[in-house]
C-alpha atoms as a PDB file:
ATOM      1  CA  MET A   1       6.741  -7.028 -12.693  1.00  0.00           C
ATOM      2  CA  PRO A   2       7.151  -6.485  -8.943  1.00  0.00           C
ATOM      3  CA  ILE A   3       4.135  -4.155  -8.608  1.00  0.00           C
ATOM      4  CA  LEU A   4       0.869  -5.781  -9.698  1.00  0.00           C
ATOM      5  CA  THR A   5      -2.496  -4.035  -9.865  1.00  0.00           C
ATOM      6  CA  GLU A   6      -5.972  -5.507 -10.063  1.00  0.00           C
ATOM      7  CA  THR A   7      -9.402  -4.026  -9.505  1.00  0.00           C
ATOM      8  CA  ILE A   8     -11.834  -5.798  -7.191  1.00  0.00           C
ATOM      9  CA  ASP A   9     -15.294  -4.283  -6.667  1.00  0.00           C
ATOM     10  CA  GLY A  10     -14.016  -0.839  -7.666  1.00  0.00           C
ATOM     11  CA  VAL A  11     -10.975  -1.045  -5.379  1.00  0.00           C
ATOM     12  CA  SER A  12      -7.440  -0.855  -6.780  1.00  0.00           C
ATOM     13  CA  VAL A  13      -5.473  -3.635  -5.114  1.00  0.00           C
ATOM     14  CA  ILE A  14      -1.729  -3.044  -5.431  1.00  0.00           C
ATOM     15  CA  LEU A  15       0.396  -6.120  -4.694  1.00  0.00           C
ATOM     16  CA  VAL A  16       4.065  -5.556  -3.960  1.00  0.00           C
ATOM     17  CA  ASP A  17       5.335  -8.895  -5.237  1.00  0.00           C
ATOM     18  CA  LEU A  18       8.788  -8.722  -3.625  1.00  0.00           C
ATOM     19  CA  GLU A  19      10.460 -10.086  -0.515  1.00  0.00           C
ATOM     20  CA  ARG A  20      12.406  -6.824  -0.165  1.00  0.00           C
ATOM     21  CA  ALA A  21      10.632  -3.563  -0.976  1.00  0.00           C
ATOM     22  CA  THR A  22      13.436  -1.042  -1.338  1.00  0.00           C
ATOM     23  CA  ASN A  23      14.465   2.095  -3.186  1.00  0.00           C
ATOM     24  CA  THR A  24      14.754   0.039  -6.393  1.00  0.00           C
ATOM     25  CA  VAL A  25      10.947  -0.176  -6.683  1.00  0.00           C
ATOM     26  CA  ALA A  26       9.800   2.896  -4.749  1.00  0.00           C
ATOM     27  CA  GLU A  27       9.559   5.084  -7.859  1.00  0.00           C
ATOM     28  CA  SER A  28       7.631   2.526  -9.894  1.00  0.00           C
ATOM     29  CA  PHE A  29       5.307   2.016  -6.930  1.00  0.00           C
ATOM     30  CA  LYS A  30       4.543   5.762  -6.752  1.00  0.00           C
ATOM     31  CA  TYR A  31       4.092   5.831 -10.541  1.00  0.00           C
ATOM     32  CA  ASN A  32       1.486   3.053 -10.331  1.00  0.00           C
ATOM     33  CA  ILE A  33      -0.426   4.923  -7.629  1.00  0.00           C
ATOM     34  CA  ASN A  34      -0.377   8.157  -9.654  1.00  0.00           C
ATOM     35  CA  PHE A  35      -1.577   6.239 -12.721  1.00  0.00           C
ATOM     36  CA  GLU A  36      -4.497   4.763 -10.763  1.00  0.00           C
ATOM     37  CA  LEU A  37      -5.390   8.184  -9.306  1.00  0.00           C
ATOM     38  CA  ALA A  38      -5.350   9.697 -12.809  1.00  0.00           C
ATOM     39  CA  ALA A  39      -7.762   6.935 -13.857  1.00  0.00           C
ATOM     40  CA  ASP A  40     -10.155   8.128 -11.110  1.00  0.00           C
ATOM     41  CA  SER A  41      -9.482   5.319  -8.662  1.00  0.00           C
ATOM     42  CA  ASN A  42     -10.159   6.468  -5.123  1.00  0.00           C
ATOM     43  CA  LYS A  43     -10.131   3.283  -3.065  1.00  0.00           C
ATOM     44  CA  PHE A  44      -6.875   1.418  -2.577  1.00  0.00           C
ATOM     45  CA  ILE A  45      -5.487  -1.636  -0.856  1.00  0.00           C
ATOM     46  CA  PHE A  46      -1.728  -2.048  -0.657  1.00  0.00           C
ATOM     47  CA  ASP A  47      -0.977  -5.756  -0.242  1.00  0.00           C
ATOM     48  CA  LEU A  48       2.419  -6.196   1.411  1.00  0.00           C
ATOM     49  CA  SER A  49       1.976  -9.894   2.202  1.00  0.00           C
ATOM     50  CA  LYS A  50       4.988 -10.915   0.077  1.00  0.00           C
ATOM     51  CA  CYS A  51       7.340  -8.405   1.754  1.00  0.00           C
ATOM     52  CA  GLU A  52       9.721  -9.629   4.434  1.00  0.00           C
ATOM     53  CA  PHE A  53      11.564  -6.296   4.526  1.00  0.00           C
ATOM     54  CA  ILE A  54      10.776  -2.661   3.718  1.00  0.00           C
ATOM     55  CA  ASP A  55      13.424   0.056   3.700  1.00  0.00           C
ATOM     56  CA  SER A  56      13.011   3.727   4.585  1.00  0.00           C
ATOM     57  CA  THR A  57      12.733   4.778   0.936  1.00  0.00           C
ATOM     58  CA  PHE A  58       9.810   2.446   0.361  1.00  0.00           C
ATOM     59  CA  LEU A  59       8.197   3.573   3.633  1.00  0.00           C
ATOM     60  CA  SER A  60       8.479   7.111   2.299  1.00  0.00           C
ATOM     61  CA  ALA A  61       6.793   6.012  -0.939  1.00  0.00           C
ATOM     62  CA  LEU A  62       3.917   4.601   1.133  1.00  0.00           C
ATOM     63  CA  VAL A  63       3.514   7.885   3.023  1.00  0.00           C
ATOM     64  CA  ILE A  64       3.678   9.994  -0.152  1.00  0.00           C
ATOM     65  CA  SER A  65       1.097   7.735  -1.797  1.00  0.00           C
ATOM     66  CA  TYR A  66      -1.144   7.971   1.264  1.00  0.00           C
ATOM     67  CA  LYS A  67      -0.984  11.772   1.122  1.00  0.00           C
ATOM     68  CA  ARG A  68      -1.840  11.839  -2.591  1.00  0.00           C
ATOM     69  CA  ILE A  69      -4.751   9.462  -2.105  1.00  0.00           C
ATOM     70  CA  ALA A  70      -6.067  11.504   0.844  1.00  0.00           C
ATOM     71  CA  GLU A  71      -5.729  14.772  -1.109  1.00  0.00           C
ATOM     72  CA  ALA A  72      -7.816  13.197  -3.880  1.00  0.00           C
ATOM     73  CA  GLY A  73     -10.510  12.258  -1.341  1.00  0.00           C
ATOM     74  CA  GLY A  74      -9.636   8.579  -1.496  1.00  0.00           C
ATOM     75  CA  LYS A  75      -9.252   5.798   1.033  1.00  0.00           C
ATOM     76  CA  LEU A  76      -6.348   3.451   1.650  1.00  0.00           C
ATOM     77  CA  ARG A  77      -5.990   0.153   3.491  1.00  0.00           C
ATOM     78  CA  ILE A  78      -2.844  -1.905   3.993  1.00  0.00           C
ATOM     79  CA  VAL A  79      -2.915  -5.679   4.327  1.00  0.00           C
ATOM     80  CA  GLY A  80      -0.636  -8.620   4.977  1.00  0.00           C
ATOM     81  CA  LEU A  81       2.131  -7.250   7.172  1.00  0.00           C
ATOM     82  CA  LYS A  82       4.774  -9.861   8.014  1.00  0.00           C
ATOM     83  CA  PRO A  83       6.267  -9.621  11.540  1.00  0.00           C
ATOM     84  CA  ALA A  84       9.410  -7.684  10.521  1.00  0.00           C
ATOM     85  CA  VAL A  85       7.399  -5.222   8.430  1.00  0.00           C
ATOM     86  CA  GLU A  86       4.810  -4.839  11.187  1.00  0.00           C
ATOM     87  CA  SER A  87       7.637  -4.057  13.621  1.00  0.00           C
ATOM     88  CA  MET A  88       8.908  -1.379  11.235  1.00  0.00           C
ATOM     89  CA  PHE A  89       5.412   0.141  11.083  1.00  0.00           C
ATOM     90  CA  GLN A  90       5.255   0.193  14.887  1.00  0.00           C
ATOM     91  CA  LEU A  91       8.764   1.618  15.261  1.00  0.00           C
ATOM     92  CA  THR A  92       7.986   4.451  12.843  1.00  0.00           C
ATOM     93  CA  ARG A  93       4.436   4.794  14.206  1.00  0.00           C
ATOM     94  CA  LEU A  94       2.989   4.334  10.742  1.00  0.00           C
ATOM     95  CA  ASN A  95       0.558   1.879  12.294  1.00  0.00           C
ATOM     96  CA  LYS A  96      -1.124   4.986  13.792  1.00  0.00           C
ATOM     97  CA  ILE A  97      -1.504   6.582  10.348  1.00  0.00           C
ATOM     98  CA  PHE A  98      -2.474   3.667   8.130  1.00  0.00           C
ATOM     99  CA  ASP A  99      -5.515   1.429   8.474  1.00  0.00           C
ATOM    100  CA  VAL A 100      -3.912  -2.024   8.604  1.00  0.00           C
ATOM    101  CA  PHE A 101      -5.875  -5.240   8.126  1.00  0.00           C
ATOM    102  CA  ALA A 102      -4.863  -8.882   8.343  1.00  0.00           C
ATOM    103  CA  ASP A 103      -6.231  -9.779   4.928  1.00  0.00           C
ATOM    104  CA  GLU A 104      -7.730  -8.424   1.736  1.00  0.00           C
ATOM    105  CA  LYS A 105     -11.246  -9.638   2.536  1.00  0.00           C
ATOM    106  CA  GLU A 106     -11.467  -7.546   5.716  1.00  0.00           C
ATOM    107  CA  ALA A 107      -9.958  -4.514   3.976  1.00  0.00           C
ATOM    108  CA  LEU A 108     -12.462  -4.776   1.104  1.00  0.00           C
ATOM    109  CA  LYS A 109     -15.302  -5.023   3.600  1.00  0.00           C
ATOM    110  CA  SER A 110     -14.109  -1.859   5.377  1.00  0.00           C
ATOM    111  CA  LEU A 111     -14.155   0.053   2.076  1.00  0.00           C
ATOM    112  CA  GLY A 112     -17.786  -0.860   1.476  1.00  0.00           C
END
């Protein structure tokens, strides 16, 4: 399964276990987020450390998920951006929207 979820200290950590996050997994990614929200999760970390590439459809899935989490009063952190993915975040200015951390430990700390 390319989208893996685990709970650490009450935080839903979603690992995108793919080198290329594209339209082929965007829907299942959004489904996983909606499932976690329905289960009353309100703190999330999206771990993109395995991703070498993210397409526009998957970027859209990230933004839609962020909006749903925010509407539910939740918090989101993103971790593990590889250089190409980080460049995409900067190009699209998503680095101004998302709280991005180098690793899971720092992101967990920021969520209390």
